[in-house]
């Protein structure tokens, strides 16, 4: 090991130290002085921002989010419309990282917060309603097709957990959607009633486009979204893995996430169900299912049944990590699933 002389020593050792420091400063300063002697570069490289803020109207409220545009955006761009899962927001809770992957793959991306959550408006605050979120997806699509740089014939949807359920539902309702990618979709604890003649689907469609979804039949909460102790502080999502992920990501600075919500099931003729809808899909579907998913509402058997009912083209990928593993960033699992998703969009949307 080489030791520098101690500057506190006196005599020749102190003088040596000063000499060394003077030479070092001269050597460090030399390239800077040489650079200053050259003609100054007055051109500042312009870097395209990763995204721009957007807003659009849905159910009497302003929804806000981001529009990502790729660096090479010549011509009309295919677009992926995204919203996060149960109560999560777009700032720092990893949906934004998926959006960056899709942008880098050449897609425009619309990523927004659901009504009543995050940076979006809407009352009652922190109320979660699948029907309202489904109409939010529809209105996000309407907004996207109004933009001149986006291709209305190449629209994809992306959803995680509960928003995966909603994305499948909307894709079946709105044939403008050409591709849908869902990860760990929360399609229910158990199978819905059979619909051999399609009458339940037609009632769901009528409710989606015209029905009153404002009258609650069941209201759960307000209560914490997650908790470390179900005995003393019951929460909407009960597994400890949910607590760990939401507190690690949602509790970060400036996410806008709040550990409090109310879940509402409206009084409608047929309960919300993407499983009833998937036989009517016209879009290509990628479904990534965690074979050991610990969330009761994301029963893997229900997801596999829904996949079986889905027309081609489709792809099922069984993944590890439980319900939240792919939402840890950076991670090998995130890289694996996001690459597969981008590849599926490239195959079916570009």
Protein backbone atom coordinates (compact mmCIF):
# COMPACT_ATOMS: atom_id res chain seq x y z
CA UNK A 1 0.00 0.00 0.00
CA UNK A 2 1.30 3.47 -0.83
CA UNK A 3 0.92 6.09 1.89
CA UNK A 4 0.79 9.80 1.24
CA UNK A 5 2.84 11.91 3.65
CA UNK A 6 0.91 13.23 6.60
CA UNK A 7 0.22 16.94 6.00
CA UNK A 8 0.40 17.60 9.73
CA UNK A 9 4.08 16.64 9.88
CA UNK A 10 6.64 19.43 9.75
CA UNK A 11 9.95 19.71 7.96
CA UNK A 12 10.82 17.97 4.75
CA UNK A 13 7.85 15.58 4.87
CA UNK A 14 5.42 18.53 4.99
CA UNK A 15 7.18 20.23 2.12
CA UNK A 16 7.05 17.01 0.12
CA UNK A 17 3.31 16.75 0.66
CA UNK A 18 2.79 20.32 -0.53
CA UNK A 19 4.89 19.60 -3.61
CA UNK A 20 2.85 16.48 -4.39
CA UNK A 21 -0.45 18.34 -4.00
CA UNK A 22 0.74 21.22 -6.18
CA UNK A 23 1.78 18.83 -8.95
CA UNK A 24 -1.54 16.98 -8.65
CA UNK A 25 -3.54 20.19 -8.95
CA UNK A 26 -1.52 21.23 -11.98
CA UNK A 27 -2.07 17.86 -13.62
CA UNK A 28 -5.81 17.98 -12.92
CA UNK A 29 -6.09 21.54 -14.13
CA UNK A 30 -4.10 21.03 -17.30
CA UNK A 31 -6.75 19.27 -19.41
CA UNK A 32 -9.34 21.74 -18.20
CA UNK A 33 -7.17 24.67 -19.29
CA UNK A 34 -6.48 22.98 -22.60
CA UNK A 35 -10.19 22.47 -23.13
CA UNK A 36 -10.90 26.12 -22.33
CA UNK A 37 -8.41 27.23 -24.98
CA UNK A 38 -10.41 25.52 -27.70
CA UNK A 39 -13.32 27.09 -29.56
CA UNK A 40 -16.37 26.82 -27.27
CA UNK A 41 -19.16 24.51 -28.41
CA UNK A 42 -22.28 26.65 -28.58
CA UNK A 43 -24.54 23.77 -29.69
CA UNK A 44 -26.44 22.10 -26.86
CA UNK A 45 -27.53 18.52 -27.67
CA UNK A 46 -31.28 18.24 -27.52
CA UNK A 47 -32.62 15.16 -25.79
CA UNK A 48 -36.22 14.21 -26.34
CA UNK A 49 -38.09 14.02 -23.03
CA UNK A 50 -39.12 10.55 -21.95
CA UNK A 51 -42.80 11.60 -21.78
CA UNK A 52 -45.15 14.56 -21.72
CA UNK A 53 -48.08 15.12 -19.36
CA UNK A 54 -51.57 14.46 -20.70
CA UNK A 55 -55.15 14.68 -19.49
CA UNK A 56 -58.54 13.62 -20.79
CA UNK A 57 -62.12 13.39 -19.57
CA UNK A 58 -63.83 10.28 -18.20
CA UNK A 59 -67.08 9.96 -16.27
CA UNK A 60 -67.14 13.66 -15.43
CA UNK A 61 -63.56 13.76 -14.14
CA UNK A 62 -60.16 14.69 -15.55
CA UNK A 63 -57.80 11.73 -15.78
CA UNK A 64 -54.09 12.52 -15.96
CA UNK A 65 -51.05 10.64 -17.06
CA UNK A 66 -48.17 10.50 -19.50
CA UNK A 67 -47.66 10.16 -23.23
CA UNK A 68 -44.41 8.40 -24.09
CA UNK A 69 -43.16 8.80 -27.66
CA UNK A 70 -40.18 6.86 -29.04
CA UNK A 71 -37.08 8.64 -30.30
CA UNK A 72 -37.78 7.59 -33.88
CA UNK A 73 -41.41 8.59 -34.21
CA UNK A 74 -41.71 9.11 -37.94
CA UNK A 75 -45.14 8.19 -39.26
CA UNK A 76 -48.17 6.98 -37.38
CA UNK A 77 -47.25 5.12 -34.20
CA UNK A 78 -48.84 2.04 -32.65
CA UNK A 79 -49.92 2.82 -29.10
CA UNK A 80 -50.12 0.85 -25.86
CA UNK A 81 -52.67 2.12 -23.30
CA UNK A 82 -51.76 1.29 -19.71
CA UNK A 83 -53.14 1.70 -16.19
CA UNK A 84 -51.89 0.17 -12.95
CA UNK A 85 -53.50 -2.43 -10.72
CA UNK A 86 -55.41 -2.23 -7.46
CA UNK A 87 -55.02 1.31 -6.02
CA UNK A 88 -51.45 1.65 -7.43
CA UNK A 89 -50.29 4.79 -9.21
CA UNK A 90 -48.08 5.48 -12.21
CA UNK A 91 -45.31 7.33 -10.39
CA UNK A 92 -42.58 5.01 -9.17
CA UNK A 93 -44.69 1.86 -8.78
CA UNK A 94 -43.06 0.08 -11.76
CA UNK A 95 -45.82 0.45 -14.40
CA UNK A 96 -43.71 3.37 -15.60
CA UNK A 97 -40.77 1.01 -16.07
CA UNK A 98 -42.89 -1.23 -18.31
CA UNK A 99 -43.91 1.89 -20.26
CA UNK A 100 -40.24 2.72 -20.82
CA UNK A 101 -39.61 -0.77 -22.20
CA UNK A 102 -42.47 -0.39 -24.69
CA UNK A 103 -41.30 3.09 -25.68
CA UNK A 104 -37.81 1.76 -26.33
CA UNK A 105 -39.39 -0.95 -28.51
CA UNK A 106 -40.88 1.76 -30.75
CA UNK A 107 -44.38 2.20 -29.31
CA UNK A 108 -46.22 5.27 -28.15
CA UNK A 109 -47.56 4.70 -24.64
CA UNK A 110 -50.47 6.27 -22.79
CA UNK A 111 -50.03 5.60 -19.06
CA UNK A 112 -52.53 7.16 -16.69
CA UNK A 113 -53.94 6.99 -13.17
CA UNK A 114 -57.42 5.58 -12.71
CA UNK A 115 -60.24 7.89 -11.71
CA UNK A 116 -60.15 8.82 -7.99
CA UNK A 117 -56.49 7.79 -7.66
CA UNK A 118 -53.06 9.39 -7.94
CA UNK A 119 -52.85 12.50 -10.09
CA UNK A 120 -56.29 11.93 -11.65
CA UNK A 121 -59.36 13.73 -10.40
CA UNK A 122 -62.61 12.09 -9.35
CA UNK A 123 -64.75 11.70 -6.27
CA UNK A 124 -65.07 9.96 -3.90
CA UNK A 125 -61.30 9.92 -3.56
CA UNK A 126 -59.68 6.49 -3.31
CA UNK A 127 -62.84 4.67 -4.44
CA UNK A 128 -62.19 1.66 -6.69
CA UNK A 129 -64.86 0.52 -9.13
CA UNK A 130 -64.06 -1.90 -11.98
CA UNK A 131 -66.79 -0.45 -14.19
CA UNK A 132 -65.47 3.08 -13.79
CA UNK A 133 -61.96 1.90 -14.57
CA UNK A 134 -63.19 0.07 -17.67
CA UNK A 135 -64.78 3.27 -18.97
CA UNK A 136 -61.51 5.04 -18.19
CA UNK A 137 -59.70 2.65 -20.52
CA UNK A 138 -62.29 3.35 -23.21
CA UNK A 139 -61.86 7.10 -22.81
CA UNK A 140 -58.07 6.74 -22.88
CA UNK A 141 -58.44 4.97 -26.23
CA UNK A 142 -60.70 7.78 -27.46
CA UNK A 143 -58.04 10.27 -26.42
CA UNK A 144 -55.30 8.30 -28.14
CA UNK A 145 -57.08 8.07 -31.49
CA UNK A 146 -57.57 11.84 -31.41
CA UNK A 147 -53.81 12.42 -31.50
CA UNK A 148 -52.44 12.86 -35.04
CA UNK A 149 -49.19 10.99 -34.33
CA UNK A 150 -50.95 7.80 -33.18
CA UNK A 151 -52.35 5.05 -35.42
CA UNK A 152 -55.99 4.33 -34.58
CA UNK A 153 -55.71 0.94 -36.29
CA UNK A 154 -52.93 -0.29 -33.97
CA UNK A 155 -54.06 -0.05 -30.35
CA UNK A 156 -52.90 -2.32 -27.56
CA UNK A 157 -53.90 -2.56 -23.90
CA UNK A 158 -51.76 -3.52 -20.91
CA UNK A 159 -52.93 -4.37 -17.42
CA UNK A 160 -51.56 -5.67 -14.14
CA UNK A 161 -53.62 -7.61 -11.57
CA UNK A 162 -57.05 -5.94 -11.39
CA UNK A 163 -56.32 -3.70 -14.35
CA UNK A 164 -55.47 -6.88 -16.27
CA UNK A 165 -59.03 -8.04 -15.65
CA UNK A 166 -60.32 -4.66 -16.78
CA UNK A 167 -58.10 -4.60 -19.89
CA UNK A 168 -59.41 -7.99 -21.07
CA UNK A 169 -62.97 -6.81 -20.47
CA UNK A 170 -62.47 -3.62 -22.50
CA UNK A 171 -60.67 -5.45 -25.31
CA UNK A 172 -63.74 -7.69 -25.70
CA UNK A 173 -66.05 -4.66 -25.70
CA UNK A 174 -64.05 -2.41 -28.01
CA UNK A 175 -62.85 -3.91 -31.27
CA UNK A 176 -60.45 -1.03 -31.84
CA UNK A 177 -58.14 -2.98 -29.51
CA UNK A 178 -55.88 -5.28 -31.54
CA UNK A 179 -53.61 -6.66 -28.80
CA UNK A 180 -53.90 -7.05 -25.04
CA UNK A 181 -51.16 -8.04 -22.59
CA UNK A 182 -52.04 -8.87 -18.99
CA UNK A 183 -49.80 -9.94 -16.14
CA UNK A 184 -50.99 -11.82 -13.04
CA UNK A 185 -54.59 -10.92 -13.99
CA UNK A 186 -57.06 -10.83 -11.11
CA UNK A 187 -59.96 -12.54 -12.90
CA UNK A 188 -61.73 -13.69 -9.76
CA UNK A 189 -61.69 -16.23 -6.97
CA UNK A 190 -64.03 -18.58 -8.80
CA UNK A 191 -65.59 -19.06 -12.20
CA UNK A 192 -68.60 -16.95 -13.23
CA UNK A 193 -71.85 -18.59 -14.38
CA UNK A 194 -71.76 -20.18 -17.86
CA UNK A 195 -72.93 -18.13 -20.82
CA UNK A 196 -73.65 -20.59 -23.65
CA UNK A 197 -75.87 -18.26 -25.68
CA UNK A 198 -73.90 -15.04 -25.05
CA UNK A 199 -76.79 -13.33 -23.25
CA UNK A 200 -74.69 -12.48 -20.17
CA UNK A 201 -72.07 -10.92 -22.40
CA UNK A 202 -74.70 -8.78 -24.10
CA UNK A 203 -75.95 -7.55 -20.72
CA UNK A 204 -72.38 -6.71 -19.68
CA UNK A 205 -71.95 -4.78 -22.93
CA UNK A 206 -75.16 -2.83 -22.37
CA UNK A 207 -74.07 -1.92 -18.84
CA UNK A 208 -70.62 -0.90 -20.04
CA UNK A 209 -71.95 1.49 -22.67
CA UNK A 210 -75.22 2.66 -21.19
CA UNK A 211 -75.81 1.33 -17.69
CA UNK A 212 -75.96 3.11 -14.35
CA UNK A 213 -72.87 2.09 -12.37
CA UNK A 214 -73.24 4.70 -9.62
CA UNK A 215 -75.42 2.79 -7.15
CA UNK A 216 -73.36 0.50 -4.92
CA UNK A 217 -74.61 -2.95 -4.07
CA UNK A 218 -71.56 -3.83 -1.99
CA UNK A 219 -69.10 -1.43 -0.37
CA UNK A 220 -65.96 -2.62 1.36
CA UNK A 221 -64.12 0.04 3.33
CA UNK A 222 -62.82 2.61 3.65
CA UNK A 223 -59.94 0.64 5.11
CA UNK A 224 -56.21 0.15 4.58
CA UNK A 225 -55.14 -1.34 1.26
CA UNK A 226 -52.47 -3.44 3.00
CA UNK A 227 -51.53 -4.27 6.58
CA UNK A 228 -48.85 -6.27 8.39
CA UNK A 229 -51.37 -7.64 10.92
CA UNK A 230 -54.84 -8.77 9.84
CA UNK A 231 -55.91 -9.37 13.44
CA UNK A 232 -55.50 -5.78 14.61
CA UNK A 233 -55.60 -3.83 11.32
CA UNK A 234 -57.61 -5.69 8.65
CA UNK A 235 -56.94 -4.58 5.07
CA UNK A 236 -58.40 -4.97 1.61
CA UNK A 237 -55.41 -7.00 0.38
CA UNK A 238 -54.34 -9.51 2.98
CA UNK A 239 -51.15 -11.40 2.00
CA UNK A 240 -47.92 -10.12 3.53
CA UNK A 241 -46.40 -10.05 0.06
CA UNK A 242 -48.89 -7.31 -0.82
CA UNK A 243 -47.90 -5.34 2.27
CA UNK A 244 -44.22 -5.70 1.43
CA UNK A 245 -44.58 -4.53 -2.18
CA UNK A 246 -46.97 -1.63 -1.58
CA UNK A 247 -44.95 -0.31 1.33
CA UNK A 248 -41.66 -0.64 -0.56
CA UNK A 249 -42.89 1.08 -3.73
CA UNK A 250 -46.06 2.97 -2.88
CA UNK A 251 -44.59 4.58 0.24
CA UNK A 252 -41.77 6.17 -1.74
CA UNK A 253 -41.67 9.92 -2.18
CA UNK A 254 -44.15 11.52 -4.56
CA UNK A 255 -45.98 8.39 -5.76
CA UNK A 256 -49.36 9.76 -4.72
CA UNK A 257 -50.34 6.33 -3.41
CA UNK A 258 -52.40 6.24 -0.21
CA UNK A 259 -52.75 3.18 1.98
CA UNK A 260 -56.51 3.60 2.18
CA UNK A 261 -59.30 2.76 -0.25
CA UNK A 262 -62.92 1.76 -0.69
CA UNK A 263 -63.92 -1.03 -3.05
CA UNK A 264 -67.37 -0.73 -4.62
CA UNK A 265 -69.43 -3.30 -6.53
CA UNK A 266 -72.30 -1.50 -8.31
CA UNK A 267 -75.85 -2.81 -8.56
CA UNK A 268 -75.95 -4.08 -12.15
CA UNK A 269 -77.81 -6.94 -13.91
CA UNK A 270 -74.61 -9.02 -14.37
CA UNK A 271 -71.52 -8.67 -12.22
CA UNK A 272 -68.31 -7.48 -13.89
CA UNK A 273 -66.51 -10.44 -15.44
CA UNK A 274 -63.85 -10.55 -18.11
CA UNK A 275 -64.07 -14.36 -18.06
CA UNK A 276 -67.56 -14.15 -19.57
CA UNK A 277 -66.21 -11.75 -22.19
CA UNK A 278 -63.03 -13.44 -23.41
CA UNK A 279 -64.72 -15.83 -25.91
CA UNK A 280 -65.75 -12.69 -27.82
CA UNK A 281 -62.23 -11.21 -28.09
CA UNK A 282 -60.93 -10.20 -31.51
CA UNK A 283 -57.54 -9.11 -30.15
CA UNK A 284 -54.34 -11.12 -29.77
CA UNK A 285 -53.82 -11.99 -26.09
CA UNK A 286 -50.72 -12.58 -23.99
CA UNK A 287 -51.55 -13.80 -20.49
CA UNK A 288 -48.75 -14.10 -17.93
CA UNK A 289 -49.97 -16.15 -14.96
CA UNK A 290 -48.06 -16.83 -11.74
CA UNK A 291 -48.54 -20.52 -11.08
CA UNK A 292 -48.18 -19.86 -7.32
CA UNK A 293 -50.19 -16.62 -7.21
CA UNK A 294 -51.02 -15.93 -3.56
CA UNK A 295 -53.74 -13.32 -4.16
CA UNK A 296 -57.20 -14.96 -3.80
CA UNK A 297 -58.68 -12.69 -6.47
CA UNK A 298 -56.02 -13.77 -8.97
CA UNK A 299 -56.80 -17.48 -8.83
CA UNK A 300 -54.50 -19.10 -11.45
CA UNK A 301 -57.11 -21.76 -12.23
CA UNK A 302 -59.62 -19.09 -13.20
CA UNK A 303 -57.00 -17.39 -15.38
CA UNK A 304 -56.12 -20.66 -17.11
CA UNK A 305 -59.81 -21.35 -17.75
CA UNK A 306 -60.20 -17.87 -19.24
CA UNK A 307 -57.19 -18.50 -21.46
CA UNK A 308 -58.75 -21.73 -22.73
CA UNK A 309 -61.88 -19.78 -23.73
CA UNK A 310 -59.88 -17.10 -25.53
CA UNK A 311 -59.71 -17.36 -29.35
CA UNK A 312 -56.41 -17.43 -31.22
CA UNK A 313 -53.98 -15.76 -31.54
CA UNK A 314 -53.01 -16.13 -27.91
CA UNK A 315 -50.13 -17.11 -25.67
CA UNK A 316 -49.96 -18.26 -22.05
CA UNK A 317 -46.77 -17.87 -20.03
CA UNK A 318 -46.47 -19.41 -16.58
CA UNK A 319 -44.11 -17.33 -14.44
CA UNK A 320 -42.51 -17.53 -11.02
CA UNK A 321 -42.46 -14.89 -8.32
CA UNK A 322 -46.04 -14.98 -7.13
CA UNK A 323 -48.31 -12.02 -7.65
CA UNK A 324 -45.75 -9.26 -7.02
CA UNK A 325 -42.43 -10.72 -8.14
CA UNK A 326 -42.52 -9.10 -11.58
CA UNK A 327 -43.16 -5.69 -9.99
CA UNK A 328 -39.76 -5.56 -8.33
CA UNK A 329 -37.42 -3.39 -10.37
CA UNK A 330 -34.67 -3.93 -11.30
CA UNK A 331 -34.85 -7.72 -11.34
CA UNK A 332 -34.26 -10.64 -13.66
CA UNK A 333 -37.97 -11.49 -13.57
CA UNK A 334 -38.93 -7.94 -14.61
CA UNK A 335 -36.52 -8.16 -17.55
CA UNK A 336 -37.93 -11.56 -18.53
CA UNK A 337 -41.60 -10.63 -18.53
CA UNK A 338 -41.17 -7.13 -19.98
CA UNK A 339 -39.12 -8.46 -22.91
CA UNK A 340 -41.79 -11.07 -23.60
CA UNK A 341 -44.50 -8.41 -23.48
CA UNK A 342 -42.62 -6.06 -25.83
CA UNK A 343 -42.00 -8.97 -28.19
CA UNK A 344 -45.69 -9.85 -28.24
CA UNK A 345 -46.65 -6.25 -29.00
CA UNK A 346 -44.06 -6.14 -31.79
CA UNK A 347 -45.41 -9.36 -33.26
CA UNK A 348 -49.09 -8.39 -33.20
CA UNK A 349 -49.22 -4.59 -33.16
CA UNK A 350 -46.40 -3.32 -35.36
